[in-house]
Amino acid sequence: MSRLLLRYSTAVLVVLIASEAASGAVVMKAVGGEVSFLLDKPLPPPVSSICWKHKNSDGVVVKAIEWDEEDSFSIPNPRFKGITTLDNNTGQITITDLKVEHSGVYTIEINSKPLEQNFNLIIKEPVPKPVIKIEPAGNPDVVYLACEYSETIIWKNSAGETLKGSPTTFGESLTVKKNGDPKNFYTCTLDNGASSETSDRVYERDLFSGSGSGSGEIVGIVFGIILLIIAIIIAAVILYKRNKNVKERVDEVFPCIKGSYTPANTGAEMTDDKVKQDKQSADVENPNPSPTTDNTNADVENPNPSPTTDNTNADVENPNPSPTTDNTNADGKNSNPGQAC
């Protein structure tokens, strides 16, 4: 109950805050901030002196700043020196670089007579930036968001709606259910009446596994990288094959690549290679091939050849051949075979 009363009173005080506070207002400011108190009525002429006084929580009253026609401005208390100014035409006082010690009640005196107006200033330390903690709920479609603070905690979603949290020992907890929208987010705002801070957004896609397009985005990125690599490889191969300078340079740097992208042998080229190999084999087996028919085989198949077909066999059968029959012997003995014919 006391906690609720504290929050309710803080909300009421926030409504009363203004940059130039009206009389009787309770003003809450953060340390390091600035405040101005302005009278709700013009100063009654003639004005010969103005004095602002400060009363702290212990009841001690000191002069914050004063002005009179003879001595002009004066700041007798070191607590307000260098940070306090006074407008002697309107009576407005301004205090900068506020500290907790500046908290208290401020009153004003005109021509040494106090006015009924007063201002209650409360200085607080600025709130820290909250961090939302994610706690499992035992249900894959439900999680708890926790925000720790001793004063006002405000939960909101991405639609700007204010959500109701549940009080805990150190702050508040918000129950979040999966709604299938990965772009939906939640924030936690801390407010002490003097300052406020909001947490970073917590997206639903980070709260539930497989929510929305989070995994899809990852797959898309990976697929895009693969396509880019393939495109680079294709471009490199085309450049290698079409640009002679590039090919020579690559072959020098990477000799193992040389010849990897030459056109494959066609069937005709392979046939030619086979014929060449067979011919080479034949040359090895018969180093002095006869340009005409194989007479050796002919001798075996035809033991009685005609004189004009196999002269060698004819020489064997006829040891005394006529000059016109054995051309081989005639050629060997006569350097002019034409005469024999």
Protein backbone atom coordinates (compact mmCIF):
# COMPACT_ATOMS: atom_id res chain seq x y z
CA MET A 1 0.00 0.00 0.00
CA SER A 2 2.79 2.44 0.87
CA ARG A 3 4.39 1.68 -2.50
CA LEU A 4 1.19 2.56 -4.34
CA LEU A 5 0.79 5.78 -2.36
CA LEU A 6 4.36 6.76 -3.22
CA ARG A 7 3.74 6.24 -6.92
CA TYR A 8 0.45 8.13 -6.78
CA SER A 9 2.03 11.11 -5.02
CA THR A 10 4.90 11.10 -7.53
CA ALA A 11 2.45 11.23 -10.43
CA VAL A 12 0.67 14.17 -8.87
CA LEU A 13 3.94 16.02 -8.40
CA VAL A 14 4.94 15.49 -12.01
CA VAL A 15 1.79 17.27 -13.15
CA LEU A 16 2.83 20.33 -11.20
CA ILE A 17 6.30 20.61 -12.80
CA ALA A 18 6.94 23.63 -15.04
CA SER A 19 10.03 25.37 -16.35
CA GLU A 20 8.80 28.53 -14.66
CA ALA A 21 6.97 27.27 -11.59
CA ALA A 22 3.83 28.92 -10.28
CA SER A 23 3.39 29.87 -6.62
CA GLY A 24 2.95 26.98 -4.22
CA ALA A 25 3.98 24.36 -6.79
CA VAL A 26 6.08 21.37 -5.93
CA VAL A 27 8.85 21.20 -8.49
CA MET A 28 10.99 18.12 -9.04
CA LYS A 29 14.26 18.40 -10.89
CA ALA A 30 17.21 16.12 -11.52
CA VAL A 31 20.72 16.79 -10.32
CA GLY A 32 22.49 19.04 -12.82
CA GLY A 33 19.24 20.53 -14.08
CA GLU A 34 17.86 24.07 -14.01
CA VAL A 35 14.81 25.73 -12.42
CA SER A 36 13.15 29.16 -12.50
CA PHE A 37 10.56 30.62 -10.10
CA LEU A 38 8.33 33.40 -11.49
CA LEU A 39 5.84 35.44 -9.54
CA ASP A 40 2.23 35.21 -10.67
CA LYS A 41 1.77 39.01 -10.33
CA PRO A 42 3.88 42.00 -11.39
CA LEU A 43 6.06 43.58 -8.73
CA PRO A 44 4.25 46.38 -6.83
CA PRO A 45 6.04 49.71 -7.47
CA PRO A 46 8.16 51.21 -6.29
CA VAL A 47 10.64 48.36 -5.77
CA SER A 48 13.74 49.18 -3.78
CA SER A 49 14.83 45.65 -2.84
CA ILE A 50 14.23 41.99 -3.71
CA CYS A 51 15.37 39.01 -1.66
CA TRP A 52 14.94 35.29 -2.26
CA LYS A 53 15.36 32.97 0.72
CA HIS A 54 15.86 29.21 0.94
CA LYS A 55 14.68 26.94 3.76
CA ASN A 56 16.04 23.39 3.82
CA SER A 57 14.52 20.25 5.34
CA ASP A 58 16.14 21.03 8.69
CA GLY A 59 14.40 24.42 8.87
CA VAL A 60 17.55 26.46 8.27
CA VAL A 61 16.85 29.66 6.29
CA VAL A 62 19.52 31.43 4.20
CA LYS A 63 19.52 34.15 1.57
CA ALA A 64 19.89 32.74 -1.93
CA ILE A 65 20.19 36.12 -3.73
CA GLU A 66 19.16 39.72 -3.11
CA TRP A 67 19.08 43.06 -4.86
CA ASP A 68 18.63 46.68 -3.75
CA GLU A 69 19.02 50.03 -5.34
CA GLU A 70 22.17 50.92 -3.45
CA ASP A 71 24.19 47.69 -3.37
CA SER A 72 22.80 46.08 -6.55
CA PHE A 73 23.03 42.24 -6.58
CA SER A 74 24.39 40.15 -3.76
CA ILE A 75 24.73 36.39 -3.21
CA PRO A 76 25.72 35.97 0.42
CA ASN A 77 25.50 32.16 0.58
CA PRO A 78 28.26 30.21 -1.23
CA ARG A 79 25.79 27.41 -1.97
CA PHE A 80 24.18 29.65 -4.63
CA LYS A 81 27.20 31.54 -5.96
CA GLY A 82 27.91 31.24 -9.65
CA ILE A 83 24.64 29.44 -10.39
CA THR A 84 21.92 31.92 -9.36
CA THR A 85 20.57 34.95 -11.22
CA LEU A 86 17.77 37.45 -10.52
CA ASP A 87 15.68 39.62 -12.82
CA ASN A 88 15.01 42.80 -10.80
CA ASN A 89 12.23 43.83 -13.22
CA THR A 90 10.10 40.69 -12.81
CA GLY A 91 11.53 39.19 -9.62
CA GLN A 92 12.25 35.84 -11.37
CA ILE A 93 15.03 33.71 -9.90
CA THR A 94 16.94 31.08 -11.90
CA ILE A 95 19.22 28.40 -10.45
CA THR A 96 21.41 26.19 -12.65
CA ASP A 97 23.58 23.11 -11.99
CA LEU A 98 21.20 21.94 -9.30
CA LYS A 99 22.33 19.68 -6.47
CA VAL A 100 20.40 17.76 -3.84
CA GLU A 101 21.30 20.45 -1.27
CA HIS A 102 19.22 22.96 -3.24
CA SER A 103 16.05 21.12 -2.29
CA GLY A 104 13.71 23.07 0.02
CA VAL A 105 11.17 25.92 0.13
CA TYR A 106 11.87 29.23 -1.61
CA THR A 107 10.18 32.50 -0.60
CA ILE A 108 10.51 36.09 -1.81
CA GLU A 109 10.50 39.46 -0.05
CA ILE A 110 9.79 42.73 -1.84
CA ASN A 111 10.93 45.90 -0.05
CA SER A 112 11.68 43.68 2.99
CA LYS A 113 8.07 42.40 3.08
CA PRO A 114 7.45 38.66 2.40
CA LEU A 115 4.92 37.66 -0.23
CA GLU A 116 2.55 34.78 0.16
CA GLN A 117 4.04 32.92 -2.77
CA ASN A 118 6.42 30.05 -2.11
CA PHE A 119 7.98 27.23 -4.15
CA ASN A 120 8.90 23.73 -2.96
CA LEU A 121 11.88 22.33 -4.85
CA ILE A 122 12.85 18.65 -4.74
CA ILE A 123 16.13 17.58 -6.32
CA LYS A 124 16.69 13.90 -7.17
CA GLU A 125 19.43 11.90 -8.74
CA PRO A 126 18.71 11.14 -12.42
CA VAL A 127 17.29 7.70 -13.02
CA PRO A 128 19.55 5.10 -14.65
CA LYS A 129 18.78 3.62 -18.03
CA PRO A 130 16.82 0.43 -17.36
CA VAL A 131 17.74 -2.97 -18.73
CA ILE A 132 14.96 -5.46 -19.41
CA LYS A 133 15.63 -8.97 -18.18
CA ILE A 134 14.02 -11.93 -19.92
CA GLU A 135 12.81 -14.74 -17.68
CA PRO A 136 11.34 -18.06 -18.94
CA ALA A 137 7.77 -18.93 -18.00
CA GLY A 138 7.82 -22.68 -18.62
CA ASN A 139 5.64 -22.13 -21.68
CA PRO A 140 7.28 -21.76 -25.12
CA ASP A 141 4.70 -19.11 -26.07
CA VAL A 142 5.04 -17.00 -22.89
CA VAL A 143 7.95 -15.07 -21.31
CA TYR A 144 8.33 -12.65 -18.41
CA LEU A 145 10.04 -9.27 -18.80
CA ALA A 146 11.51 -7.84 -15.61
CA CYS A 147 12.45 -4.23 -14.87
CA GLU A 148 14.02 -3.24 -11.55
CA TYR A 149 13.37 0.12 -9.91
CA SER A 150 11.94 1.51 -6.67
CA GLU A 151 9.65 4.14 -8.21
CA THR A 152 7.43 4.48 -11.26
CA ILE A 153 7.83 1.86 -13.99
CA ILE A 154 5.99 2.27 -17.29
CA TRP A 155 5.65 -0.58 -19.79
CA LYS A 156 4.80 0.09 -23.44
CA ASN A 157 4.58 -1.89 -26.65
CA SER A 158 5.37 -0.93 -30.24
CA ALA A 159 1.81 0.39 -30.68
CA GLY A 160 2.42 2.96 -27.94
CA GLU A 161 0.00 1.27 -25.56
CA THR A 162 0.74 1.38 -21.83
CA LEU A 163 0.80 -2.13 -20.38
CA LYS A 164 0.15 -3.14 -16.80
CA GLY A 165 2.94 -4.91 -14.97
CA SER A 166 2.96 -6.93 -11.79
CA PRO A 167 4.90 -5.70 -8.72
CA THR A 168 7.90 -7.77 -7.67
CA THR A 169 10.46 -7.53 -4.90
CA PHE A 170 12.78 -5.31 -6.94
CA GLY A 171 10.45 -3.73 -9.48
CA GLU A 172 7.86 -5.01 -11.94
CA SER A 173 7.33 -7.94 -14.26
CA LEU A 174 5.40 -7.99 -17.53
CA THR A 175 3.88 -11.15 -19.00
CA VAL A 176 4.31 -11.31 -22.78
CA LYS A 177 2.52 -13.79 -25.03
CA LYS A 178 3.64 -14.70 -28.51
CA ASN A 179 1.45 -13.02 -31.15
CA GLY A 180 3.42 -13.92 -34.28
CA ASP A 181 4.57 -10.39 -35.12
CA PRO A 182 8.41 -10.29 -35.14
CA LYS A 183 8.40 -6.48 -35.37
CA ASN A 184 6.47 -6.03 -32.15
CA PHE A 185 8.62 -4.75 -29.27
CA TYR A 186 8.41 -3.75 -25.61
CA THR A 187 10.09 -1.01 -23.55
CA CYS A 188 10.42 -0.17 -19.89
CA THR A 189 10.59 3.46 -18.69
CA LEU A 190 11.75 4.56 -15.24
CA ASP A 191 10.42 7.85 -13.86
CA ASN A 192 11.15 9.48 -10.50
CA GLY A 193 9.35 12.73 -11.25
CA ALA A 194 12.61 14.58 -11.82
CA SER A 195 13.89 12.56 -14.77
CA SER A 196 13.03 9.51 -16.81
CA GLU A 197 14.89 6.95 -18.91
CA THR A 198 13.67 4.32 -21.36
CA SER A 199 15.24 0.94 -22.03
CA ASP A 200 16.28 -0.43 -25.38
CA ARG A 201 13.60 -2.19 -27.36
CA VAL A 202 13.09 -5.90 -26.84
CA TYR A 203 11.64 -7.48 -30.00
CA GLU A 204 9.37 -10.48 -30.06
CA ARG A 205 11.67 -12.22 -32.54
CA ASP A 206 14.31 -12.27 -29.78
CA LEU A 207 11.89 -13.61 -27.18
CA PHE A 208 10.55 -16.68 -28.97
CA SER A 209 12.40 -19.24 -31.06
CA GLY A 210 11.23 -19.42 -34.66
CA SER A 211 9.22 -16.22 -34.34
CA GLY A 212 8.65 -14.31 -37.56
CA SER A 213 11.25 -13.93 -40.24
CA GLY A 214 14.36 -13.86 -38.08
CA SER A 215 15.58 -17.25 -39.37
CA GLY A 216 14.36 -16.41 -42.86
CA GLU A 217 16.49 -13.28 -42.91
CA ILE A 218 19.55 -15.33 -41.96
CA VAL A 219 18.84 -17.86 -44.74
CA GLY A 220 18.41 -15.01 -47.21
CA ILE A 221 21.73 -13.48 -46.23
CA VAL A 222 23.57 -16.81 -46.55
CA PHE A 223 21.94 -17.48 -49.93
CA GLY A 224 22.91 -14.03 -51.15
CA ILE A 225 26.54 -14.58 -50.10
CA ILE A 226 26.63 -17.91 -51.95
CA LEU A 227 25.26 -16.31 -55.12
CA LEU A 228 27.85 -13.56 -54.87
CA ILE A 229 30.69 -16.07 -54.53
CA ILE A 230 29.42 -18.04 -57.54
CA ALA A 231 29.19 -14.86 -59.62
CA ILE A 232 32.76 -13.91 -58.69
CA ILE A 233 34.05 -17.37 -59.64
CA ILE A 234 32.27 -17.28 -63.01
CA ALA A 235 33.60 -13.81 -63.75
CA ALA A 236 37.11 -14.90 -62.82
CA VAL A 237 36.95 -17.95 -65.10
CA ILE A 238 35.66 -15.88 -68.04
CA LEU A 239 38.36 -13.28 -67.51
CA TYR A 240 41.01 -15.98 -67.30
CA LYS A 241 39.92 -17.62 -70.53
CA ARG A 242 39.41 -14.43 -72.56
CA ASN A 243 42.18 -12.15 -71.37
CA LYS A 244 45.61 -13.34 -72.47
CA ASN A 245 47.51 -11.07 -70.09
CA VAL A 246 45.46 -12.22 -67.13
CA LYS A 247 45.89 -15.86 -68.11
CA GLU A 248 49.68 -15.51 -68.39
CA ARG A 249 49.88 -13.72 -65.06
CA VAL A 250 47.72 -16.34 -63.31
CA ASP A 251 49.75 -19.17 -64.85
CA GLU A 252 52.92 -17.58 -63.48
CA VAL A 253 51.54 -17.19 -59.98
CA PHE A 254 49.58 -20.45 -59.90
CA PRO A 255 51.29 -22.93 -62.24
CA CYS A 256 48.94 -25.69 -61.06
CA ILE A 257 46.04 -23.91 -62.78
CA LYS A 258 47.79 -23.78 -66.15
CA GLY A 259 45.93 -25.91 -68.66
CA SER A 260 42.97 -26.53 -66.34
CA TYR A 261 40.60 -24.55 -68.57
CA THR A 262 41.89 -25.59 -72.07
CA PRO A 263 39.21 -27.09 -74.32
CA ALA A 264 38.77 -30.83 -74.02
CA ASN A 265 39.99 -33.06 -76.91
CA THR A 266 37.30 -33.91 -79.42
CA GLY A 267 36.60 -37.39 -80.70
CA ALA A 268 38.38 -36.64 -83.96
CA GLU A 269 41.51 -35.49 -82.17
CA MET A 270 41.49 -38.64 -80.07
CA THR A 271 41.15 -40.75 -83.23
CA ASP A 272 44.11 -38.98 -84.83
CA ASP A 273 46.16 -39.61 -81.73
CA LYS A 274 45.23 -43.30 -81.87
CA VAL A 275 46.29 -43.55 -85.52
CA LYS A 276 49.61 -41.88 -84.74
CA GLN A 277 50.24 -44.29 -81.88
CA ASP A 278 49.45 -47.34 -84.06
CA LYS A 279 51.77 -46.05 -86.78
CA GLN A 280 54.58 -45.54 -84.32
CA SER A 281 54.09 -49.10 -83.04
CA ALA A 282 54.23 -50.43 -86.61
CA ASP A 283 57.45 -48.54 -87.30
CA VAL A 284 59.05 -50.12 -84.27
CA GLU A 285 58.04 -53.64 -85.36
CA ASN A 286 59.10 -53.14 -89.05
CA PRO A 287 61.89 -50.56 -89.33
CA ASN A 288 62.24 -51.05 -93.17
CA PRO A 289 58.71 -51.47 -94.52
CA SER A 290 58.29 -52.13 -98.26
CA PRO A 291 56.28 -49.58 -100.13
CA THR A 292 54.61 -52.37 -102.14
CA THR A 293 52.86 -55.57 -101.24
CA ASP A 294 54.46 -57.78 -98.55
CA ASN A 295 56.53 -60.19 -100.70
CA THR A 296 57.43 -62.41 -97.80
CA ASN A 297 53.83 -63.30 -97.12
CA ALA A 298 53.22 -63.65 -100.81
CA ASP A 299 55.98 -66.26 -101.01
CA VAL A 300 54.31 -68.33 -98.35
CA GLU A 301 50.83 -68.13 -99.87
CA ASN A 302 51.98 -68.58 -103.52
CA PRO A 303 54.96 -70.93 -103.86
CA ASN A 304 54.98 -70.55 -107.65
CA PRO A 305 54.57 -66.87 -108.38
CA SER A 306 54.79 -65.41 -111.79
CA PRO A 307 58.16 -63.97 -112.74
CA THR A 308 56.78 -60.48 -112.80
CA THR A 309 55.15 -60.73 -109.34
CA ASP A 310 57.96 -62.08 -107.18
CA ASN A 311 61.39 -61.82 -108.62
CA THR A 312 63.06 -63.12 -105.55
CA ASN A 313 61.35 -66.52 -105.73
CA ALA A 314 62.01 -66.66 -109.45
CA ASP A 315 65.71 -66.38 -108.80
CA VAL A 316 65.54 -69.32 -106.46
CA GLU A 317 63.68 -71.57 -108.92
CA ASN A 318 65.72 -70.50 -112.01
CA PRO A 319 69.39 -70.15 -111.18
CA ASN A 320 70.09 -68.94 -114.67
CA PRO A 321 67.47 -66.39 -115.46
CA SER A 322 67.36 -64.49 -118.65
CA PRO A 323 68.31 -60.86 -118.51
CA THR A 324 64.72 -59.81 -119.07
CA THR A 325 63.25 -62.08 -116.34
CA ASP A 326 65.33 -61.17 -113.29
CA ASN A 327 65.23 -57.41 -112.97
CA THR A 328 66.51 -57.45 -109.46
CA ASN A 329 69.82 -59.07 -110.31
CA ALA A 330 70.16 -56.97 -113.42
CA ASP A 331 69.71 -53.84 -111.43
CA GLY A 332 72.40 -54.96 -109.01
CA LYS A 333 74.95 -55.65 -111.73
CA ASN A 334 74.03 -53.02 -114.32
CA SER A 335 73.90 -49.39 -113.37
CA ASN A 336 71.75 -48.74 -116.40
CA PRO A 337 68.70 -51.01 -116.10
CA GLY A 338 67.10 -49.45 -119.18
CA GLN A 339 69.44 -51.35 -121.52
CA ALA A 340 68.40 -54.68 -120.01
CA CYS A 341 64.76 -53.96 -120.86
